[in-house]
């Protein structure tokens, strides 16, 4: 995923939980801010499940916020 920070920000600030994989993928695909490649990566790498929070999704994807090339 190229826009990790944008994805994490969206998951934390704009997504409603609980959410299933299907709901998360649908929401992702409707966003104009993310590239086709990032949308495909998200769908391919998110395991099936019901997610209670952004942190659950972020952990399932193995994402870490990166700011200025520094992982946090």
C-alpha atoms as a PDB file:
ATOM      1  CA  UNK A   1       0.000   0.000   0.000  1.00  0.00           C
ATOM      2  CA  UNK A   2       1.447   3.329  -1.037  1.00  0.00           C
ATOM      3  CA  UNK A   3      -0.778   5.696   0.971  1.00  0.00           C
ATOM      4  CA  UNK A   4      -0.500   4.027   4.363  1.00  0.00           C
ATOM      5  CA  UNK A   5      -0.982   7.256   6.308  1.00  0.00           C
ATOM      6  CA  UNK A   6      -4.111   8.157   4.321  1.00  0.00           C
ATOM      7  CA  UNK A   7      -5.570   4.684   4.826  1.00  0.00           C
ATOM      8  CA  UNK A   8      -4.925   4.745   8.567  1.00  0.00           C
ATOM      9  CA  UNK A   9      -6.362   8.251   8.877  1.00  0.00           C
ATOM     10  CA  UNK A  10      -9.496   7.186   6.995  1.00  0.00           C
ATOM     11  CA  UNK A  11      -9.933   4.029   9.066  1.00  0.00           C
ATOM     12  CA  UNK A  12      -9.612   5.998  12.311  1.00  0.00           C
ATOM     13  CA  UNK A  13     -11.586   9.124  11.448  1.00  0.00           C
ATOM     14  CA  UNK A  14     -14.229   8.226   8.867  1.00  0.00           C
ATOM     15  CA  UNK A  15     -15.059   4.523   9.078  1.00  0.00           C
ATOM     16  CA  UNK A  16     -17.959   3.258  11.197  1.00  0.00           C
ATOM     17  CA  UNK A  17     -17.452   0.166  13.367  1.00  0.00           C
ATOM     18  CA  UNK A  18     -18.148  -2.648  13.775  1.00  0.00           C
ATOM     19  CA  UNK A  19     -17.571  -3.433  10.107  1.00  0.00           C
ATOM     20  CA  UNK A  20     -17.124  -6.590   8.079  1.00  0.00           C
ATOM     21  CA  UNK A  21     -14.487  -7.058   5.412  1.00  0.00           C
ATOM     22  CA  UNK A  22     -17.166  -6.602   2.742  1.00  0.00           C
ATOM     23  CA  UNK A  23     -18.278  -3.284   4.273  1.00  0.00           C
ATOM     24  CA  UNK A  24     -14.699  -2.036   4.556  1.00  0.00           C
ATOM     25  CA  UNK A  25     -13.862  -3.003   0.967  1.00  0.00           C
ATOM     26  CA  UNK A  26     -17.058  -1.360  -0.328  1.00  0.00           C
ATOM     27  CA  UNK A  27     -16.210   1.867   1.507  1.00  0.00           C
ATOM     28  CA  UNK A  28     -12.623   1.759   0.251  1.00  0.00           C
ATOM     29  CA  UNK A  29     -13.729   1.265  -3.346  1.00  0.00           C
ATOM     30  CA  UNK A  30     -15.977   4.341  -3.147  1.00  0.00           C
ATOM     31  CA  UNK A  31     -13.115   6.630  -2.097  1.00  0.00           C
ATOM     32  CA  UNK A  32     -11.548   8.817  -4.759  1.00  0.00           C
ATOM     33  CA  UNK A  33      -8.461   9.563  -2.632  1.00  0.00           C
ATOM     34  CA  UNK A  34      -6.883   6.138  -3.130  1.00  0.00           C
ATOM     35  CA  UNK A  35      -5.318   4.580  -6.198  1.00  0.00           C
ATOM     36  CA  UNK A  36      -6.706   1.499  -7.893  1.00  0.00           C
ATOM     37  CA  UNK A  37      -3.583  -0.375  -6.756  1.00  0.00           C
ATOM     38  CA  UNK A  38      -4.121   0.582  -3.092  1.00  0.00           C
ATOM     39  CA  UNK A  39      -7.781  -0.470  -3.297  1.00  0.00           C
ATOM     40  CA  UNK A  40      -6.800  -3.826  -4.789  1.00  0.00           C
ATOM     41  CA  UNK A  41      -4.081  -4.302  -2.156  1.00  0.00           C
ATOM     42  CA  UNK A  42      -6.573  -3.528   0.636  1.00  0.00           C
ATOM     43  CA  UNK A  43      -9.116  -6.070  -0.634  1.00  0.00           C
ATOM     44  CA  UNK A  44      -6.478  -8.755  -1.245  1.00  0.00           C
ATOM     45  CA  UNK A  45      -4.736  -8.368   2.127  1.00  0.00           C
ATOM     46  CA  UNK A  46      -7.618  -7.780   4.550  1.00  0.00           C
ATOM     47  CA  UNK A  47      -8.628 -11.111   6.102  1.00  0.00           C
ATOM     48  CA  UNK A  48     -12.313 -12.029   6.350  1.00  0.00           C
ATOM     49  CA  UNK A  49     -13.731 -10.923   9.666  1.00  0.00           C
ATOM     50  CA  UNK A  50     -15.777  -8.501  11.694  1.00  0.00           C
ATOM     51  CA  UNK A  51     -13.675  -5.580  12.879  1.00  0.00           C
ATOM     52  CA  UNK A  52     -14.514  -3.677  16.068  1.00  0.00           C
ATOM     53  CA  UNK A  53     -12.129  -0.766  15.529  1.00  0.00           C
ATOM     54  CA  UNK A  54      -9.612   0.867  13.217  1.00  0.00           C
ATOM     55  CA  UNK A  55      -6.826  -0.679  15.276  1.00  0.00           C
ATOM     56  CA  UNK A  56      -8.230  -4.155  14.512  1.00  0.00           C
ATOM     57  CA  UNK A  57      -8.108  -3.431  10.766  1.00  0.00           C
ATOM     58  CA  UNK A  58      -4.650  -1.847  10.942  1.00  0.00           C
ATOM     59  CA  UNK A  59      -3.294  -4.837  12.881  1.00  0.00           C
ATOM     60  CA  UNK A  60      -4.913  -7.343  10.488  1.00  0.00           C
ATOM     61  CA  UNK A  61      -3.235  -5.589   7.553  1.00  0.00           C
ATOM     62  CA  UNK A  62       0.112  -5.220   9.319  1.00  0.00           C
ATOM     63  CA  UNK A  63       0.098  -1.476   8.676  1.00  0.00           C
ATOM     64  CA  UNK A  64       2.111   0.997  10.666  1.00  0.00           C
ATOM     65  CA  UNK A  65       1.785   4.731  10.224  1.00  0.00           C
ATOM     66  CA  UNK A  66       4.775   6.246   8.497  1.00  0.00           C
ATOM     67  CA  UNK A  67       5.517   9.936   8.850  1.00  0.00           C
ATOM     68  CA  UNK A  68       8.385  11.354   6.871  1.00  0.00           C
ATOM     69  CA  UNK A  69       9.825   7.913   6.304  1.00  0.00           C
ATOM     70  CA  UNK A  70       9.857   7.128  10.027  1.00  0.00           C
ATOM     71  CA  UNK A  71       7.581   4.347  11.273  1.00  0.00           C
ATOM     72  CA  UNK A  72       5.662   5.118  14.408  1.00  0.00           C
END
